[in-house]
C-alpha cells in the first residue's frame, strides 16, 4: 500500500509565499515522477507542476512559471512546491500525485487560500 500526504496549505495575503510538502510512504520502490495539481471551486482539477525522479526535469503550467518551484528529496520520499508572489487566483485545493511503475497515487489535498 502507498500513502501520499500533503501539508503546508493555509491562508496568505496576495504577494505572500507558502511551501507545500508531499510525503510518500509505503511501497514506493518504483517511485517515479511526482507532481502537483490544483482544483478551484467549480473548476476541473488542473496540472500545476511535475518533477522527474532524478529532479533534473521540471514542468510548470504557464500561469505559475517564475513564481512556483517544485523540488524533491528522494531520501525523504518528499516533494515540495515553493509558491511565491501568490495571487487570489491561486486559491484552490492542491493535490500531490505520485507516479509508480504501474500505478499512480493521490493525496487528500491541502487548501491554499490567497486573500486580496
N, C-alpha and C. Protein backbone atom coordinates (compact mmCIF):
# COMPACT_ATOMS: atom_id res chain seq x y z
N UNK A 1 0.84 -1.19 0.00
CA UNK A 1 0.00 0.00 0.00
C UNK A 1 0.89 1.25 0.00
N UNK A 2 0.36 2.29 -0.60
CA UNK A 2 1.08 3.56 -0.69
C UNK A 2 0.24 4.64 -0.05
N UNK A 3 0.91 5.53 0.64
CA UNK A 3 0.23 6.66 1.25
C UNK A 3 0.90 7.96 0.81
N UNK A 4 0.08 8.93 0.43
CA UNK A 4 0.58 10.24 -0.01
C UNK A 4 -0.11 11.30 0.83
N UNK A 5 0.66 12.14 1.51
CA UNK A 5 0.10 13.11 2.43
C UNK A 5 0.68 14.50 2.14
N UNK A 6 -0.21 15.43 1.85
CA UNK A 6 0.20 16.82 1.62
C UNK A 6 0.09 17.62 2.92
N UNK A 7 0.88 18.67 3.00
CA UNK A 7 0.80 19.59 4.14
C UNK A 7 1.34 20.95 3.70
N UNK A 8 1.09 21.95 4.53
CA UNK A 8 1.66 23.27 4.28
C UNK A 8 0.69 24.30 3.74
N UNK A 9 -0.54 23.90 3.48
CA UNK A 9 -1.51 24.86 2.99
C UNK A 9 -1.91 25.85 4.07
N UNK A 10 -2.66 26.86 3.67
CA UNK A 10 -3.12 27.83 4.64
C UNK A 10 -3.66 29.07 3.96
N UNK A 11 -3.84 30.10 4.78
CA UNK A 11 -4.36 31.39 4.31
C UNK A 11 -3.20 32.39 4.24
N UNK A 12 -3.07 33.06 3.11
CA UNK A 12 -1.98 34.02 2.94
C UNK A 12 -2.49 35.19 2.12
N UNK A 13 -1.91 36.34 2.35
CA UNK A 13 -2.29 37.52 1.57
C UNK A 13 -1.62 37.48 0.19
N UNK A 14 -2.25 38.16 -0.74
CA UNK A 14 -1.67 38.26 -2.08
C UNK A 14 -0.25 38.81 -2.00
N UNK A 15 0.64 38.20 -2.77
CA UNK A 15 2.04 38.57 -2.73
C UNK A 15 2.87 37.74 -1.77
N UNK A 16 2.20 36.98 -0.93
CA UNK A 16 2.89 36.17 0.05
C UNK A 16 3.38 34.85 -0.51
N UNK A 17 3.92 34.03 0.38
CA UNK A 17 4.50 32.75 -0.01
C UNK A 17 4.01 31.62 0.89
N UNK A 18 4.00 30.43 0.31
CA UNK A 18 3.72 29.20 1.05
C UNK A 18 4.61 28.11 0.48
N UNK A 19 4.92 27.14 1.31
CA UNK A 19 5.66 25.97 0.85
C UNK A 19 4.85 24.72 1.17
N UNK A 20 4.44 24.02 0.14
CA UNK A 20 3.72 22.77 0.30
C UNK A 20 4.70 21.60 0.32
N UNK A 21 4.34 20.60 1.10
CA UNK A 21 5.13 19.37 1.15
C UNK A 21 4.22 18.19 0.85
N UNK A 22 4.81 17.17 0.26
CA UNK A 22 4.07 15.94 -0.03
C UNK A 22 4.98 14.77 0.29
N UNK A 23 4.57 13.98 1.27
CA UNK A 23 5.38 12.84 1.69
C UNK A 23 4.72 11.54 1.26
N UNK A 24 5.51 10.69 0.63
CA UNK A 24 5.02 9.38 0.21
C UNK A 24 5.60 8.31 1.11
N UNK A 25 4.80 7.30 1.44
CA UNK A 25 5.27 6.21 2.27
C UNK A 25 4.66 4.91 1.80
N UNK A 26 5.19 3.82 2.30
CA UNK A 26 4.70 2.51 1.90
C UNK A 26 5.54 1.92 0.78
N UNK A 27 4.91 1.22 -0.14
CA UNK A 27 5.63 0.51 -1.20
C UNK A 27 5.94 1.47 -2.36
N UNK A 28 6.95 2.28 -2.17
CA UNK A 28 7.30 3.30 -3.16
C UNK A 28 8.60 2.97 -3.88
N UNK A 29 8.96 1.68 -3.92
CA UNK A 29 10.24 1.30 -4.50
C UNK A 29 10.36 1.71 -5.96
N UNK A 30 9.24 1.69 -6.68
CA UNK A 30 9.28 2.04 -8.11
C UNK A 30 8.86 3.49 -8.34
N UNK A 31 9.09 4.32 -7.35
CA UNK A 31 8.69 5.72 -7.45
C UNK A 31 9.31 6.40 -8.66
N UNK A 32 8.49 7.18 -9.33
CA UNK A 32 8.96 7.91 -10.50
C UNK A 32 8.71 9.39 -10.33
N UNK A 33 8.10 9.98 -11.31
CA UNK A 33 7.82 11.41 -11.25
C UNK A 33 6.76 11.70 -10.17
N UNK A 34 6.79 12.93 -9.69
CA UNK A 34 5.76 13.40 -8.76
C UNK A 34 5.28 14.75 -9.27
N UNK A 35 4.06 15.05 -8.92
CA UNK A 35 3.51 16.30 -9.44
C UNK A 35 2.51 16.93 -8.51
N UNK A 36 2.19 18.18 -8.81
CA UNK A 36 1.17 18.92 -8.07
C UNK A 36 0.06 19.33 -9.05
N UNK A 37 -1.17 19.20 -8.56
CA UNK A 37 -2.35 19.63 -9.28
C UNK A 37 -3.16 20.51 -8.33
N UNK A 38 -4.11 21.22 -8.87
CA UNK A 38 -4.98 22.03 -8.01
C UNK A 38 -6.38 22.06 -8.58
N UNK A 39 -7.33 22.28 -7.68
CA UNK A 39 -8.73 22.35 -8.09
C UNK A 39 -9.41 23.47 -7.33
N UNK A 40 -9.84 24.47 -8.08
CA UNK A 40 -10.58 25.59 -7.50
C UNK A 40 -12.06 25.25 -7.50
N UNK A 41 -12.85 25.90 -6.63
CA UNK A 41 -14.28 25.61 -6.57
C UNK A 41 -14.94 25.79 -7.94
N UNK A 42 -15.70 24.79 -8.34
CA UNK A 42 -16.43 24.87 -9.59
C UNK A 42 -15.60 24.64 -10.83
N UNK A 43 -14.33 24.29 -10.65
CA UNK A 43 -13.46 24.09 -11.81
C UNK A 43 -12.88 22.68 -11.80
N UNK A 44 -12.38 22.27 -12.96
CA UNK A 44 -11.73 20.97 -13.06
C UNK A 44 -10.34 21.02 -12.40
N UNK A 45 -9.86 19.85 -12.02
CA UNK A 45 -8.51 19.76 -11.49
C UNK A 45 -7.53 20.06 -12.62
N UNK A 46 -6.52 20.88 -12.33
CA UNK A 46 -5.56 21.24 -13.36
C UNK A 46 -4.13 20.96 -12.90
N UNK A 47 -3.30 20.68 -13.89
CA UNK A 47 -1.89 20.43 -13.66
C UNK A 47 -1.21 21.73 -13.23
N UNK A 48 -0.29 21.62 -12.26
CA UNK A 48 0.48 22.77 -11.81
C UNK A 48 1.97 22.58 -12.11
N UNK A 49 2.53 21.47 -11.64
CA UNK A 49 3.97 21.26 -11.80
C UNK A 49 4.27 19.77 -11.69
N UNK A 50 5.40 19.40 -12.28
CA UNK A 50 5.82 17.99 -12.26
C UNK A 50 7.34 17.95 -12.22
N UNK A 51 7.87 16.92 -11.52
CA UNK A 51 9.32 16.77 -11.44
C UNK A 51 9.67 15.31 -11.66
N UNK A 52 10.71 15.07 -12.42
CA UNK A 52 11.14 13.71 -12.69
C UNK A 52 11.75 13.09 -11.43
N UNK A 53 11.98 11.78 -11.46
CA UNK A 53 12.53 11.10 -10.28
C UNK A 53 13.88 11.68 -9.90
N UNK A 54 14.70 11.97 -10.88
CA UNK A 54 16.04 12.49 -10.58
C UNK A 54 16.02 13.96 -10.20
N UNK A 55 14.91 14.62 -10.52
CA UNK A 55 14.84 16.06 -10.26
C UNK A 55 15.43 16.91 -11.36
N UNK A 56 15.93 16.27 -12.39
CA UNK A 56 16.61 17.01 -13.45
C UNK A 56 15.63 17.67 -14.43
N UNK A 57 14.39 17.19 -14.44
CA UNK A 57 13.39 17.75 -15.35
C UNK A 57 12.19 18.25 -14.56
N UNK A 58 11.81 19.47 -14.83
CA UNK A 58 10.63 20.05 -14.18
C UNK A 58 9.74 20.69 -15.25
N UNK A 59 8.45 20.72 -14.96
CA UNK A 59 7.47 21.27 -15.88
C UNK A 59 6.46 22.08 -15.07
N UNK A 60 5.99 23.17 -15.65
CA UNK A 60 5.05 24.04 -14.97
C UNK A 60 3.95 24.49 -15.93
N UNK A 61 2.77 24.71 -15.38
CA UNK A 61 1.74 25.37 -16.16
C UNK A 61 2.17 26.83 -16.31
N UNK A 62 1.81 27.42 -17.42
CA UNK A 62 2.29 28.78 -17.72
C UNK A 62 1.95 29.79 -16.62
N UNK A 63 0.80 29.62 -15.99
CA UNK A 63 0.33 30.61 -15.03
C UNK A 63 1.18 30.67 -13.76
N UNK A 64 2.03 29.68 -13.51
CA UNK A 64 2.85 29.69 -12.29
C UNK A 64 4.33 29.80 -12.59
N UNK A 65 4.71 29.78 -13.83
CA UNK A 65 6.13 29.87 -14.18
C UNK A 65 6.73 31.16 -13.63
N UNK A 66 7.90 31.02 -13.01
CA UNK A 66 8.57 32.17 -12.43
C UNK A 66 8.12 32.47 -11.01
N UNK A 67 7.04 31.83 -10.56
CA UNK A 67 6.56 32.07 -9.20
C UNK A 67 6.64 30.81 -8.33
N UNK A 68 6.39 29.66 -8.93
CA UNK A 68 6.40 28.39 -8.19
C UNK A 68 7.65 27.60 -8.56
N UNK A 69 8.16 26.85 -7.58
CA UNK A 69 9.30 25.97 -7.82
C UNK A 69 9.03 24.61 -7.20
N UNK A 70 9.14 23.57 -7.99
CA UNK A 70 8.97 22.21 -7.49
C UNK A 70 10.35 21.59 -7.27
N UNK A 71 10.47 20.84 -6.19
CA UNK A 71 11.72 20.16 -5.89
C UNK A 71 11.40 18.87 -5.13
N UNK A 72 12.41 18.03 -4.95
CA UNK A 72 12.16 16.78 -4.24
C UNK A 72 13.40 16.34 -3.49
N UNK A 73 13.14 15.55 -2.45
CA UNK A 73 14.20 14.93 -1.66
C UNK A 73 13.90 13.44 -1.63
N UNK A 74 14.57 12.68 -2.46
CA UNK A 74 14.27 11.26 -2.57
C UNK A 74 14.61 10.48 -1.30
N UNK A 75 15.56 10.97 -0.54
CA UNK A 75 15.89 10.30 0.72
C UNK A 75 14.71 10.34 1.69
N UNK A 76 13.88 11.37 1.53
CA UNK A 76 12.71 11.52 2.40
C UNK A 76 11.42 11.19 1.67
N UNK A 77 11.51 10.77 0.41
CA UNK A 77 10.31 10.49 -0.39
C UNK A 77 9.34 11.66 -0.35
N UNK A 78 9.88 12.84 -0.48
CA UNK A 78 9.08 14.06 -0.33
C UNK A 78 9.30 15.00 -1.51
N UNK A 79 8.21 15.59 -1.95
CA UNK A 79 8.27 16.62 -2.98
C UNK A 79 7.73 17.92 -2.39
N UNK A 80 8.28 19.03 -2.84
CA UNK A 80 7.90 20.33 -2.32
C UNK A 80 7.40 21.23 -3.44
N UNK A 81 6.58 22.18 -3.08
CA UNK A 81 6.16 23.22 -4.01
C UNK A 81 6.30 24.56 -3.30
N UNK A 82 7.32 25.30 -3.67
CA UNK A 82 7.53 26.64 -3.13
C UNK A 82 6.71 27.61 -3.98
N UNK A 83 5.81 28.31 -3.35
CA UNK A 83 4.91 29.21 -4.06
C UNK A 83 5.15 30.63 -3.59
N UNK A 84 5.63 31.47 -4.48
CA UNK A 84 5.89 32.88 -4.18
C UNK A 84 4.97 33.77 -4.99
N UNK A 85 4.89 35.02 -4.58
CA UNK A 85 4.06 36.01 -5.29
C UNK A 85 2.66 35.46 -5.55
N UNK A 86 2.06 34.91 -4.51
CA UNK A 86 0.76 34.28 -4.66
C UNK A 86 -0.32 35.28 -5.04
N UNK A 87 -1.26 34.80 -5.84
CA UNK A 87 -2.37 35.62 -6.32
C UNK A 87 -3.69 35.00 -5.87
N UNK A 88 -4.75 35.79 -5.78
CA UNK A 88 -6.05 35.22 -5.41
C UNK A 88 -6.46 34.06 -6.32
N UNK A 89 -6.10 34.11 -7.57
CA UNK A 89 -6.47 33.04 -8.50
C UNK A 89 -5.70 31.74 -8.26
N UNK A 90 -4.73 31.76 -7.35
CA UNK A 90 -4.05 30.53 -6.95
C UNK A 90 -4.83 29.77 -5.89
N UNK A 91 -5.89 30.37 -5.39
CA UNK A 91 -6.71 29.72 -4.37
C UNK A 91 -7.30 28.42 -4.91
N UNK A 92 -7.06 27.34 -4.20
CA UNK A 92 -7.51 26.02 -4.64
C UNK A 92 -7.11 24.98 -3.60
N UNK A 93 -7.62 23.79 -3.78
CA UNK A 93 -7.09 22.64 -3.06
C UNK A 93 -5.96 22.07 -3.91
N UNK A 94 -4.82 21.91 -3.30
CA UNK A 94 -3.64 21.42 -4.01
C UNK A 94 -3.43 19.94 -3.70
N UNK A 95 -3.28 19.16 -4.76
CA UNK A 95 -3.12 17.71 -4.64
C UNK A 95 -1.76 17.29 -5.15
N UNK A 96 -1.21 16.29 -4.49
CA UNK A 96 0.06 15.71 -4.90
C UNK A 96 -0.22 14.37 -5.59
N UNK A 97 0.53 14.09 -6.63
CA UNK A 97 0.40 12.83 -7.35
C UNK A 97 1.75 12.14 -7.42
N UNK A 98 1.75 10.88 -7.02
CA UNK A 98 2.95 10.05 -7.08
C UNK A 98 2.78 9.04 -8.20
N UNK A 99 3.74 8.98 -9.09
CA UNK A 99 3.69 8.02 -10.19
C UNK A 99 4.63 6.86 -9.89
N UNK A 100 4.06 5.66 -9.86
CA UNK A 100 4.85 4.44 -9.73
C UNK A 100 4.91 3.76 -11.09
N UNK A 101 5.60 2.65 -11.15
CA UNK A 101 5.77 1.97 -12.44
C UNK A 101 4.42 1.57 -13.04
N UNK A 102 3.52 1.06 -12.21
CA UNK A 102 2.26 0.53 -12.73
C UNK A 102 1.02 1.22 -12.17
N UNK A 103 1.20 2.28 -11.43
CA UNK A 103 0.04 2.92 -10.83
C UNK A 103 0.39 4.35 -10.44
N UNK A 104 -0.62 5.09 -10.05
CA UNK A 104 -0.40 6.43 -9.53
C UNK A 104 -1.27 6.60 -8.29
N UNK A 105 -0.82 7.48 -7.40
CA UNK A 105 -1.47 7.67 -6.11
C UNK A 105 -1.63 9.16 -5.83
N UNK A 106 -2.78 9.49 -5.25
CA UNK A 106 -3.08 10.88 -4.94
C UNK A 106 -3.18 11.07 -3.44
N UNK A 107 -2.83 12.27 -2.99
CA UNK A 107 -3.07 12.64 -1.62
C UNK A 107 -4.47 13.18 -1.45
N UNK A 108 -4.79 13.57 -0.22
CA UNK A 108 -6.13 14.05 0.08
C UNK A 108 -6.30 15.54 -0.20
N UNK A 109 -5.18 16.22 -0.44
CA UNK A 109 -5.24 17.63 -0.77
C UNK A 109 -5.00 18.54 0.42
N UNK A 110 -4.52 19.74 0.13
CA UNK A 110 -4.34 20.75 1.16
C UNK A 110 -4.84 22.09 0.61
N UNK A 111 -5.60 22.80 1.42
CA UNK A 111 -6.24 24.03 0.96
C UNK A 111 -5.27 25.21 0.99
N UNK A 112 -5.23 25.93 -0.10
CA UNK A 112 -4.47 27.17 -0.19
C UNK A 112 -5.46 28.30 -0.51
N UNK A 113 -5.50 29.29 0.34
CA UNK A 113 -6.39 30.43 0.14
C UNK A 113 -5.57 31.71 0.12
N UNK A 114 -5.70 32.47 -0.95
CA UNK A 114 -4.96 33.71 -1.10
C UNK A 114 -5.96 34.86 -1.08
N UNK A 115 -5.83 35.72 -0.10
CA UNK A 115 -6.76 36.85 0.04
C UNK A 115 -6.19 38.07 -0.68
N UNK A 116 -7.10 38.88 -1.21
CA UNK A 116 -6.69 40.08 -1.96
C UNK A 116 -6.56 41.29 -1.06
